[in-house]
Amino acid sequence: MGDARPIGIFDSGVGGLTVAREIRRILPGESTIYVGDTARVPYGAKSPEELLVFAQEIIHFLLSKNVKAVVIACGTSSAVTYTKLQEIFPNLPLVDVIRPGVEACVDLCMPGTRAKRTTPPAYPRLGLIATAATIKSGLFSRLITEKCPGVTLHDRACPLFASMVEAGLQPNHPALRFAAETYLSDLRGEIDALVLGCTHYPLLTNILSATLGDVRFIDISEATAWATKKRLGQLGILAGVEPAAPTHEYYVSGPSDVFRTTGSLIVGEELNLSTVMLEAFI
């Protein structure tokens, strides 16, 4: 018998739904409970202390829903709070998006050389885009540099991207085009692959391609879903074959209109949303 308890997933808004979508694809038998903290989006400009409080509130809520594991589907929260959350919740399996993202970089840039990385990287010039908080933490850049010797890394904060996605701007919107050109035009021809270091960014690949030209994208959302499957398998808590169909619940802490519209496009079905007062769960 498998473990039918749901997987908890959270982000500041709709971006983490790219992770939820990949988890549903890779783990079709698993139920999920997703929290979008729309009352306090975006997370990129928040302090580490605020982010830790937000994450604890969300995790306490998810634990009240009997989740068996929690996926931090947010690059900012992963970079800033993951280590401390492991200390606060020592018995709760946690999966972040940074470390799976780094392993995806290793698989792409240094294929087949995990034991002895002595061959030249397949993609020697790597770009990393993320929120200001993720870039400031330095964690993503440091881990990539350690695990991918020989790779030249260009990291770049793109603070407006997540807010623009949360505002419902379409990928061809002039403001998004202007932001992409402002942030990244100097990297055109300078990178071979680009790490999408925020879970909102897979929604922007068209505008990123238009700005950067022919680059390979490294999607941390898919990498995180595979890491979730691996972790649950190691712990023996995969759902397995269950007689009941999996369920998927979605919660927001604030405004829901744009989340509902954009989220439905990401997941591929209409979202039935509920509102939760997260401050009550601490």
C-alpha atoms as a PDB file:
ATOM      1  CA  MET A   1       0.000   0.000   0.000  1.00  0.00           C
ATOM      2  CA  GLY A   2       1.213   3.493  -0.828  1.00  0.00           C
ATOM      3  CA  ASP A   3       0.963   6.703   1.145  1.00  0.00           C
ATOM      4  CA  ALA A   4      -2.090   8.578  -0.127  1.00  0.00           C
ATOM      5  CA  ARG A   5      -1.449  11.763   1.847  1.00  0.00           C
ATOM      6  CA  PRO A   6      -1.040  14.827  -0.397  1.00  0.00           C
ATOM      7  CA  ILE A   7       2.117  16.697  -1.296  1.00  0.00           C
ATOM      8  CA  GLY A   8       2.140  20.327  -0.175  1.00  0.00           C
ATOM      9  CA  ILE A   9       3.475  22.925  -2.629  1.00  0.00           C
ATOM     10  CA  PHE A  10       3.822  26.663  -2.129  1.00  0.00           C
ATOM     11  CA  ASP A  11       4.996  29.837  -3.812  1.00  0.00           C
ATOM     12  CA  SER A  12       4.335  33.547  -3.578  1.00  0.00           C
ATOM     13  CA  GLY A  13       1.816  33.281  -6.421  1.00  0.00           C
ATOM     14  CA  VAL A  14       1.248  31.476  -9.706  1.00  0.00           C
ATOM     15  CA  GLY A  15       4.885  30.734 -10.542  1.00  0.00           C
ATOM     16  CA  GLY A  16       5.022  27.602  -8.435  1.00  0.00           C
ATOM     17  CA  LEU A  17       2.189  26.154 -10.474  1.00  0.00           C
ATOM     18  CA  THR A  18       4.851  25.335 -13.068  1.00  0.00           C
ATOM     19  CA  VAL A  19       6.280  22.987 -10.427  1.00  0.00           C
ATOM     20  CA  ALA A  20       2.828  21.659  -9.507  1.00  0.00           C
ATOM     21  CA  ARG A  21       2.161  20.943 -13.182  1.00  0.00           C
ATOM     22  CA  GLU A  22       5.378  18.954 -13.504  1.00  0.00           C
ATOM     23  CA  ILE A  23       4.679  17.041 -10.283  1.00  0.00           C
ATOM     24  CA  ARG A  24       1.259  16.070 -11.617  1.00  0.00           C
ATOM     25  CA  ARG A  25       2.873  14.928 -14.882  1.00  0.00           C
ATOM     26  CA  ILE A  26       5.716  12.956 -13.325  1.00  0.00           C
ATOM     27  CA  LEU A  27       3.750  11.689 -10.298  1.00  0.00           C
ATOM     28  CA  PRO A  28       0.216  11.255 -11.673  1.00  0.00           C
ATOM     29  CA  GLY A  29      -0.944   9.194  -8.695  1.00  0.00           C
ATOM     30  CA  GLU A  30      -0.136  11.881  -6.120  1.00  0.00           C
ATOM     31  CA  SER A  31      -2.627  14.308  -4.608  1.00  0.00           C
ATOM     32  CA  THR A  32      -1.437  17.883  -4.111  1.00  0.00           C
ATOM     33  CA  ILE A  33      -2.329  20.960  -2.070  1.00  0.00           C
ATOM     34  CA  TYR A  34      -1.007  24.220  -3.478  1.00  0.00           C
ATOM     35  CA  VAL A  35      -0.729  27.566  -1.679  1.00  0.00           C
ATOM     36  CA  GLY A  36      -0.139  30.822  -3.543  1.00  0.00           C
ATOM     37  CA  ASP A  37       0.660  33.634  -1.097  1.00  0.00           C
ATOM     38  CA  THR A  38      -0.986  36.284  -3.263  1.00  0.00           C
ATOM     39  CA  ALA A  39      -1.502  38.649  -0.338  1.00  0.00           C
ATOM     40  CA  ARG A  40       2.277  39.122  -0.081  1.00  0.00           C
ATOM     41  CA  VAL A  41       3.540  38.564  -3.610  1.00  0.00           C
ATOM     42  CA  PRO A  42       6.243  39.167  -4.815  1.00  0.00           C
ATOM     43  CA  TYR A  43       8.756  37.595  -2.470  1.00  0.00           C
ATOM     44  CA  GLY A  44      11.848  38.904  -4.263  1.00  0.00           C
ATOM     45  CA  ALA A  45      12.044  42.170  -2.305  1.00  0.00           C
ATOM     46  CA  LYS A  46      11.123  40.729   1.115  1.00  0.00           C
ATOM     47  CA  SER A  47      13.636  40.386   3.944  1.00  0.00           C
ATOM     48  CA  PRO A  48      14.948  36.964   5.027  1.00  0.00           C
ATOM     49  CA  GLU A  49      13.112  37.359   8.329  1.00  0.00           C
ATOM     50  CA  GLU A  50       9.797  38.015   6.580  1.00  0.00           C
ATOM     51  CA  LEU A  51      10.295  35.111   4.195  1.00  0.00           C
ATOM     52  CA  LEU A  52      10.973  32.710   7.054  1.00  0.00           C
ATOM     53  CA  VAL A  53       7.783  33.764   8.848  1.00  0.00           C
ATOM     54  CA  PHE A  54       5.749  33.433   5.644  1.00  0.00           C
ATOM     55  CA  ALA A  55       7.136  29.954   4.986  1.00  0.00           C
ATOM     56  CA  GLN A  56       6.416  28.788   8.525  1.00  0.00           C
ATOM     57  CA  GLU A  57       2.830  30.012   8.325  1.00  0.00           C
ATOM     58  CA  ILE A  58       2.282  28.216   5.032  1.00  0.00           C
ATOM     59  CA  ILE A  59       3.901  24.991   6.219  1.00  0.00           C
ATOM     60  CA  HIS A  60       1.814  24.966   9.398  1.00  0.00           C
ATOM     61  CA  PHE A  61      -1.291  25.346   7.249  1.00  0.00           C
ATOM     62  CA  LEU A  62      -0.172  22.517   4.964  1.00  0.00           C
ATOM     63  CA  LEU A  63       0.529  20.309   7.978  1.00  0.00           C
ATOM     64  CA  SER A  64      -3.028  20.968   9.155  1.00  0.00           C
ATOM     65  CA  LYS A  65      -4.069  19.421   5.814  1.00  0.00           C
ATOM     66  CA  ASN A  66      -2.015  16.289   6.595  1.00  0.00           C
ATOM     67  CA  VAL A  67       0.605  16.645   3.856  1.00  0.00           C
ATOM     68  CA  LYS A  68       3.419  14.095   3.802  1.00  0.00           C
ATOM     69  CA  ALA A  69       6.029  16.436   2.284  1.00  0.00           C
ATOM     70  CA  VAL A  70       6.368  20.078   1.237  1.00  0.00           C
ATOM     71  CA  VAL A  71       7.868  21.427  -1.966  1.00  0.00           C
ATOM     72  CA  ILE A  72       9.146  25.006  -1.738  1.00  0.00           C
ATOM     73  CA  ALA A  73       8.210  25.951  -5.304  1.00  0.00           C
ATOM     74  CA  CYS A  74       9.824  29.379  -5.030  1.00  0.00           C
ATOM     75  CA  GLY A  75      13.399  30.229  -5.885  1.00  0.00           C
ATOM     76  CA  THR A  76      13.538  33.115  -3.429  1.00  0.00           C
ATOM     77  CA  SER A  77      12.213  31.141  -0.465  1.00  0.00           C
ATOM     78  CA  SER A  78      14.377  28.152  -1.400  1.00  0.00           C
ATOM     79  CA  ALA A  79      17.509  30.290  -1.442  1.00  0.00           C
ATOM     80  CA  VAL A  80      16.762  32.140   1.790  1.00  0.00           C
ATOM     81  CA  THR A  81      14.751  29.816   4.070  1.00  0.00           C
ATOM     82  CA  TYR A  82      15.366  26.167   3.132  1.00  0.00           C
ATOM     83  CA  THR A  83      18.180  25.439   5.598  1.00  0.00           C
ATOM     84  CA  LYS A  84      16.386  27.060   8.531  1.00  0.00           C
ATOM     85  CA  LEU A  85      13.116  25.328   7.651  1.00  0.00           C
ATOM     86  CA  GLN A  86      14.894  21.984   7.819  1.00  0.00           C
ATOM     87  CA  GLU A  87      15.892  22.831  11.397  1.00  0.00           C
ATOM     88  CA  ILE A  88      12.402  24.034  12.335  1.00  0.00           C
ATOM     89  CA  PHE A  89      10.630  21.035  10.760  1.00  0.00           C
ATOM     90  CA  PRO A  90      13.165  18.185  11.170  1.00  0.00           C
ATOM     91  CA  ASN A  91      10.599  15.419  10.574  1.00  0.00           C
ATOM     92  CA  LEU A  92       9.031  16.942   7.460  1.00  0.00           C
ATOM     93  CA  PRO A  93      10.496  16.033   4.068  1.00  0.00           C
ATOM     94  CA  LEU A  94      11.274  19.305   2.287  1.00  0.00           C
ATOM     95  CA  VAL A  95      12.223  19.747  -1.354  1.00  0.00           C
ATOM     96  CA  ASP A  96      13.488  23.088  -2.647  1.00  0.00           C
ATOM     97  CA  VAL A  97      14.023  24.257  -6.222  1.00  0.00           C
ATOM     98  CA  ILE A  98      17.628  25.452  -5.975  1.00  0.00           C
ATOM     99  CA  ARG A  99      19.425  22.141  -5.464  1.00  0.00           C
ATOM    100  CA  PRO A 100      17.442  20.246  -8.124  1.00  0.00           C
ATOM    101  CA  GLY A 101      18.106  23.204 -10.431  1.00  0.00           C
ATOM    102  CA  VAL A 102      21.828  22.928  -9.791  1.00  0.00           C
ATOM    103  CA  GLU A 103      21.772  19.205 -10.547  1.00  0.00           C
ATOM    104  CA  ALA A 104      19.979  19.977 -13.815  1.00  0.00           C
ATOM    105  CA  CYS A 105      22.861  22.317 -14.653  1.00  0.00           C
ATOM    106  CA  VAL A 106      25.338  19.524 -13.898  1.00  0.00           C
ATOM    107  CA  ASP A 107      23.436  17.098 -16.129  1.00  0.00           C
ATOM    108  CA  LEU A 108      23.400  19.596 -19.002  1.00  0.00           C
ATOM    109  CA  CYS A 109      26.805  21.235 -18.702  1.00  0.00           C
ATOM    110  CA  MET A 110      28.845  18.307 -17.362  1.00  0.00           C
ATOM    111  CA  PRO A 111      27.052  15.185 -18.702  1.00  0.00           C
ATOM    112  CA  GLY A 112      28.340  11.818 -17.607  1.00  0.00           C
ATOM    113  CA  THR A 113      31.065  13.274 -15.419  1.00  0.00           C
ATOM    114  CA  ARG A 114      29.552  13.330 -11.935  1.00  0.00           C
ATOM    115  CA  ALA A 115      32.426  11.301 -10.449  1.00  0.00           C
ATOM    116  CA  LYS A 116      35.349  13.025 -12.196  1.00  0.00           C
ATOM    117  CA  ARG A 117      34.431  16.230 -13.981  1.00  0.00           C
ATOM    118  CA  THR A 118      37.575  16.573 -16.037  1.00  0.00           C
ATOM    119  CA  THR A 119      36.043  16.991 -19.488  1.00  0.00           C
ATOM    120  CA  PRO A 120      35.203  20.471 -20.799  1.00  0.00           C
ATOM    121  CA  PRO A 121      31.608  21.539 -20.120  1.00  0.00           C
ATOM    122  CA  ALA A 122      29.135  20.971 -22.945  1.00  0.00           C
ATOM    123  CA  TYR A 123      27.638  24.398 -22.291  1.00  0.00           C
ATOM    124  CA  PRO A 124      30.594  26.474 -21.064  1.00  0.00           C
ATOM    125  CA  ARG A 125      28.788  29.814 -20.818  1.00  0.00           C
ATOM    126  CA  LEU A 126      25.845  29.764 -18.443  1.00  0.00           C
ATOM    127  CA  GLY A 127      23.384  32.475 -17.522  1.00  0.00           C
ATOM    128  CA  LEU A 128      21.294  32.574 -14.344  1.00  0.00           C
ATOM    129  CA  ILE A 129      18.279  34.829 -13.918  1.00  0.00           C
ATOM    130  CA  ALA A 130      16.367  35.067 -10.663  1.00  0.00           C
ATOM    131  CA  THR A 131      14.830  37.506  -8.203  1.00  0.00           C
ATOM    132  CA  ALA A 132      16.985  40.053  -6.429  1.00  0.00           C
ATOM    133  CA  ALA A 133      16.821  38.066  -3.171  1.00  0.00           C
ATOM    134  CA  THR A 134      17.943  34.829  -4.845  1.00  0.00           C
ATOM    135  CA  ILE A 135      20.864  36.526  -6.576  1.00  0.00           C
ATOM    136  CA  LYS A 136      21.828  38.391  -3.405  1.00  0.00           C
ATOM    137  CA  SER A 137      21.898  35.164  -1.388  1.00  0.00           C
ATOM    138  CA  GLY A 138      24.604  33.867  -3.730  1.00  0.00           C
ATOM    139  CA  LEU A 139      23.571  30.258  -3.074  1.00  0.00           C
ATOM    140  CA  PHE A 140      22.530  29.306  -6.588  1.00  0.00           C
ATOM    141  CA  SER A 141      25.632  30.860  -8.140  1.00  0.00           C
ATOM    142  CA  ARG A 142      27.967  29.285  -5.585  1.00  0.00           C
ATOM    143  CA  LEU A 143      26.555  25.773  -6.012  1.00  0.00           C
ATOM    144  CA  ILE A 144      26.643  25.982  -9.807  1.00  0.00           C
ATOM    145  CA  THR A 145      30.239  27.216  -9.766  1.00  0.00           C
ATOM    146  CA  GLU A 146      31.276  24.427  -7.370  1.00  0.00           C
ATOM    147  CA  LYS A 147      29.587  21.621  -9.270  1.00  0.00           C
ATOM    148  CA  CYS A 148      30.281  22.808 -12.831  1.00  0.00           C
ATOM    149  CA  PRO A 149      34.006  23.582 -13.038  1.00  0.00           C
ATOM    150  CA  GLY A 150      34.995  25.324 -16.216  1.00  0.00           C
ATOM    151  CA  VAL A 151      31.624  27.021 -16.641  1.00  0.00           C
ATOM    152  CA  THR A 152      31.526  30.788 -16.866  1.00  0.00           C
ATOM    153  CA  LEU A 153      28.444  32.028 -15.028  1.00  0.00           C
ATOM    154  CA  HIS A 154      26.632  35.297 -15.657  1.00  0.00           C
ATOM    155  CA  ASP A 155      24.000  35.876 -12.970  1.00  0.00           C
ATOM    156  CA  ARG A 156      21.403  38.594 -13.282  1.00  0.00           C
ATOM    157  CA  ALA A 157      18.603  39.827 -11.054  1.00  0.00           C
ATOM    158  CA  CYS A 158      15.331  40.426 -12.899  1.00  0.00           C
ATOM    159  CA  PRO A 159      13.158  41.930 -10.141  1.00  0.00           C
ATOM    160  CA  LEU A 160      10.145  42.904 -12.248  1.00  0.00           C
ATOM    161  CA  PHE A 161       9.514  39.631 -14.071  1.00  0.00           C
ATOM    162  CA  ALA A 162       7.615  37.859 -11.271  1.00  0.00           C
ATOM    163  CA  SER A 163       5.464  40.916 -10.553  1.00  0.00           C
ATOM    164  CA  MET A 164       4.597  41.251 -14.234  1.00  0.00           C
ATOM    165  CA  VAL A 165       3.536  37.617 -14.436  1.00  0.00           C
ATOM    166  CA  GLU A 166       1.453  38.033 -11.282  1.00  0.00           C
ATOM    167  CA  ALA A 167      -0.168  41.100 -12.830  1.00  0.00           C
ATOM    168  CA  GLY A 168      -1.341  38.958 -15.730  1.00  0.00           C
ATOM    169  CA  LEU A 169       0.839  40.508 -18.441  1.00  0.00           C
ATOM    170  CA  GLN A 170       0.998  38.374 -21.567  1.00  0.00           C
ATOM    171  CA  PRO A 171       4.446  37.242 -22.752  1.00  0.00           C
ATOM    172  CA  ASN A 172       4.361  39.633 -25.741  1.00  0.00           C
ATOM    173  CA  HIS A 173       3.440  42.667 -23.644  1.00  0.00           C
ATOM    174  CA  PRO A 174       5.603  45.741 -24.430  1.00  0.00           C
ATOM    175  CA  ALA A 175       6.521  46.180 -20.757  1.00  0.00           C
ATOM    176  CA  LEU A 176       7.864  42.633 -20.578  1.00  0.00           C
ATOM    177  CA  ARG A 177       9.789  43.107 -23.807  1.00  0.00           C
ATOM    178  CA  PHE A 178      11.299  46.316 -22.445  1.00  0.00           C
ATOM    179  CA  ALA A 179      12.222  44.673 -19.135  1.00  0.00           C
ATOM    180  CA  ALA A 180      13.825  41.705 -20.891  1.00  0.00           C
ATOM    181  CA  GLU A 181      15.867  43.981 -23.142  1.00  0.00           C
ATOM    182  CA  THR A 182      16.923  46.122 -20.195  1.00  0.00           C
ATOM    183  CA  TYR A 183      17.976  43.185 -18.036  1.00  0.00           C
ATOM    184  CA  LEU A 184      19.463  40.830 -20.598  1.00  0.00           C
ATOM    185  CA  SER A 185      20.251  42.330 -24.003  1.00  0.00           C
ATOM    186  CA  ASP A 186      23.975  42.512 -23.201  1.00  0.00           C
ATOM    187  CA  LEU A 187      24.010  38.727 -22.703  1.00  0.00           C
ATOM    188  CA  ARG A 188      22.924  37.999 -26.286  1.00  0.00           C
ATOM    189  CA  GLY A 189      25.665  35.877 -27.837  1.00  0.00           C
ATOM    190  CA  GLU A 190      27.433  35.612 -24.474  1.00  0.00           C
ATOM    191  CA  ILE A 191      25.687  32.531 -23.013  1.00  0.00           C
ATOM    192  CA  ASP A 192      24.902  29.041 -24.267  1.00  0.00           C
ATOM    193  CA  ALA A 193      22.243  28.115 -21.705  1.00  0.00           C
ATOM    194  CA  LEU A 194      20.066  30.028 -19.261  1.00  0.00           C
ATOM    195  CA  VAL A 195      18.929  28.830 -15.839  1.00  0.00           C
ATOM    196  CA  LEU A 196      15.380  29.958 -15.113  1.00  0.00           C
ATOM    197  CA  GLY A 197      16.013  30.547 -11.422  1.00  0.00           C
ATOM    198  CA  CYS A 198      12.468  31.576 -10.549  1.00  0.00           C
ATOM    199  CA  THR A 199       9.437  29.358 -11.098  1.00  0.00           C
ATOM    200  CA  HIS A 200       7.630  32.245 -12.813  1.00  0.00           C
ATOM    201  CA  TYR A 201      10.207  32.344 -15.590  1.00  0.00           C
ATOM    202  CA  PRO A 202       9.187  29.269 -17.631  1.00  0.00           C
ATOM    203  CA  LEU A 203       6.174  31.380 -18.616  1.00  0.00           C
ATOM    204  CA  LEU A 204       8.517  33.884 -20.292  1.00  0.00           C
ATOM    205  CA  THR A 205      10.596  31.665 -22.577  1.00  0.00           C
ATOM    206  CA  ASN A 206       9.259  33.272 -25.763  1.00  0.00           C
ATOM    207  CA  ILE A 207      10.289  36.782 -24.720  1.00  0.00           C
ATOM    208  CA  LEU A 208      13.593  35.460 -23.372  1.00  0.00           C
ATOM    209  CA  SER A 209      14.348  33.730 -26.678  1.00  0.00           C
ATOM    210  CA  ALA A 210      13.526  36.908 -28.573  1.00  0.00           C
ATOM    211  CA  THR A 211      15.978  38.815 -26.382  1.00  0.00           C
ATOM    212  CA  LEU A 212      18.806  36.291 -26.086  1.00  0.00           C
ATOM    213  CA  GLY A 213      18.636  34.363 -29.343  1.00  0.00           C
ATOM    214  CA  ASP A 214      19.431  30.651 -29.518  1.00  0.00           C
ATOM    215  CA  VAL A 215      19.975  29.527 -25.919  1.00  0.00           C
ATOM    216  CA  ARG A 216      19.081  26.339 -24.059  1.00  0.00           C
ATOM    217  CA  PHE A 217      16.759  26.801 -21.078  1.00  0.00           C
ATOM    218  CA  ILE A 218      17.246  24.923 -17.802  1.00  0.00           C
ATOM    219  CA  ASP A 219      13.833  24.625 -16.153  1.00  0.00           C
ATOM    220  CA  ILE A 220      14.054  24.176 -12.390  1.00  0.00           C
ATOM    221  CA  SER A 221      10.355  23.252 -12.269  1.00  0.00           C
ATOM    222  CA  GLU A 222      10.839  19.922 -14.035  1.00  0.00           C
ATOM    223  CA  ALA A 223      14.014  19.208 -12.093  1.00  0.00           C
ATOM    224  CA  THR A 224      12.175  19.801  -8.835  1.00  0.00           C
ATOM    225  CA  ALA A 225       9.404  17.374  -9.776  1.00  0.00           C
ATOM    226  CA  TRP A 226      11.943  14.623 -10.443  1.00  0.00           C
ATOM    227  CA  ALA A 227      13.691  15.443  -7.157  1.00  0.00           C
ATOM    228  CA  THR A 228      10.348  15.157  -5.368  1.00  0.00           C
ATOM    229  CA  LYS A 229       9.748  11.722  -6.843  1.00  0.00           C
ATOM    230  CA  LYS A 230      13.227  10.599  -5.832  1.00  0.00           C
ATOM    231  CA  ARG A 231      12.849  11.889  -2.258  1.00  0.00           C
ATOM    232  CA  LEU A 232       9.420  10.320  -1.721  1.00  0.00           C
ATOM    233  CA  GLY A 233      10.689   7.046  -3.159  1.00  0.00           C
ATOM    234  CA  GLN A 234      13.687   7.022  -0.830  1.00  0.00           C
ATOM    235  CA  LEU A 235      11.355   7.542   2.138  1.00  0.00           C
ATOM    236  CA  GLY A 236       8.870   4.922   0.928  1.00  0.00           C
ATOM    237  CA  ILE A 237       5.963   7.382   0.878  1.00  0.00           C
ATOM    238  CA  LEU A 238       4.990   7.432  -2.789  1.00  0.00           C
ATOM    239  CA  ALA A 239       1.261   7.076  -3.351  1.00  0.00           C
ATOM    240  CA  GLY A 240       1.642   3.915  -5.363  1.00  0.00           C
ATOM    241  CA  VAL A 241      -1.421   2.498  -7.064  1.00  0.00           C
ATOM    242  CA  GLU A 242      -4.459   3.823  -5.233  1.00  0.00           C
ATOM    243  CA  PRO A 243      -8.096   2.963  -5.948  1.00  0.00           C
ATOM    244  CA  ALA A 244      -9.201   6.595  -5.595  1.00  0.00           C
ATOM    245  CA  ALA A 245      -8.247   9.282  -8.104  1.00  0.00           C
ATOM    246  CA  PRO A 246      -5.786  11.888  -6.805  1.00  0.00           C
ATOM    247  CA  THR A 247      -7.183  15.256  -5.751  1.00  0.00           C
ATOM    248  CA  HIS A 248      -5.701  18.723  -6.229  1.00  0.00           C
ATOM    249  CA  GLU A 249      -6.573  21.662  -3.990  1.00  0.00           C
ATOM    250  CA  TYR A 250      -5.574  25.285  -4.523  1.00  0.00           C
ATOM    251  CA  TYR A 251      -5.453  28.047  -1.910  1.00  0.00           C
ATOM    252  CA  VAL A 252      -4.606  31.735  -2.081  1.00  0.00           C
ATOM    253  CA  SER A 253      -4.023  34.197   0.721  1.00  0.00           C
ATOM    254  CA  GLY A 254      -5.228  37.279  -1.143  1.00  0.00           C
ATOM    255  CA  PRO A 255      -6.425  38.378  -4.604  1.00  0.00           C
ATOM    256  CA  SER A 256      -7.480  35.479  -6.789  1.00  0.00           C
ATOM    257  CA  ASP A 257      -8.689  36.790 -10.169  1.00  0.00           C
ATOM    258  CA  VAL A 258      -5.354  36.872 -12.015  1.00  0.00           C
ATOM    259  CA  PHE A 259      -4.195  33.746 -10.183  1.00  0.00           C
ATOM    260  CA  ARG A 260      -7.293  31.900 -11.365  1.00  0.00           C
ATOM    261  CA  THR A 261      -6.891  33.034 -14.981  1.00  0.00           C
ATOM    262  CA  THR A 262      -3.138  32.551 -15.328  1.00  0.00           C
ATOM    263  CA  GLY A 263      -3.103  29.462 -13.135  1.00  0.00           C
ATOM    264  CA  SER A 264      -5.737  27.735 -15.236  1.00  0.00           C
ATOM    265  CA  LEU A 265      -3.578  28.280 -18.321  1.00  0.00           C
ATOM    266  CA  ILE A 266      -0.528  26.839 -16.559  1.00  0.00           C
ATOM    267  CA  VAL A 267      -2.228  23.761 -15.121  1.00  0.00           C
ATOM    268  CA  GLY A 268      -4.513  23.189 -18.099  1.00  0.00           C
ATOM    269  CA  GLU A 269      -7.786  23.120 -16.193  1.00  0.00           C
ATOM    270  CA  GLU A 270     -10.026  25.500 -14.291  1.00  0.00           C
ATOM    271  CA  LEU A 271      -8.861  26.048 -10.732  1.00  0.00           C
ATOM    272  CA  ASN A 272     -11.305  25.817  -7.854  1.00  0.00           C
ATOM    273  CA  LEU A 273      -9.755  28.276  -5.392  1.00  0.00           C
ATOM    274  CA  SER A 274     -10.191  28.705  -1.665  1.00  0.00           C
ATOM    275  CA  THR A 275      -8.868  31.536   0.482  1.00  0.00           C
ATOM    276  CA  VAL A 276      -6.818  30.967   3.616  1.00  0.00           C
ATOM    277  CA  MET A 277      -5.722  33.405   6.344  1.00  0.00           C
ATOM    278  CA  LEU A 278      -2.125  32.302   6.688  1.00  0.00           C
ATOM    279  CA  GLU A 279      -1.292  34.548   9.635  1.00  0.00           C
ATOM    280  CA  ALA A 280      -3.418  32.244  11.806  1.00  0.00           C
ATOM    281  CA  PHE A 281      -0.996  29.356  11.228  1.00  0.00           C
ATOM    282  CA  ILE A 282       2.166  30.103  13.177  1.00  0.00           C
END
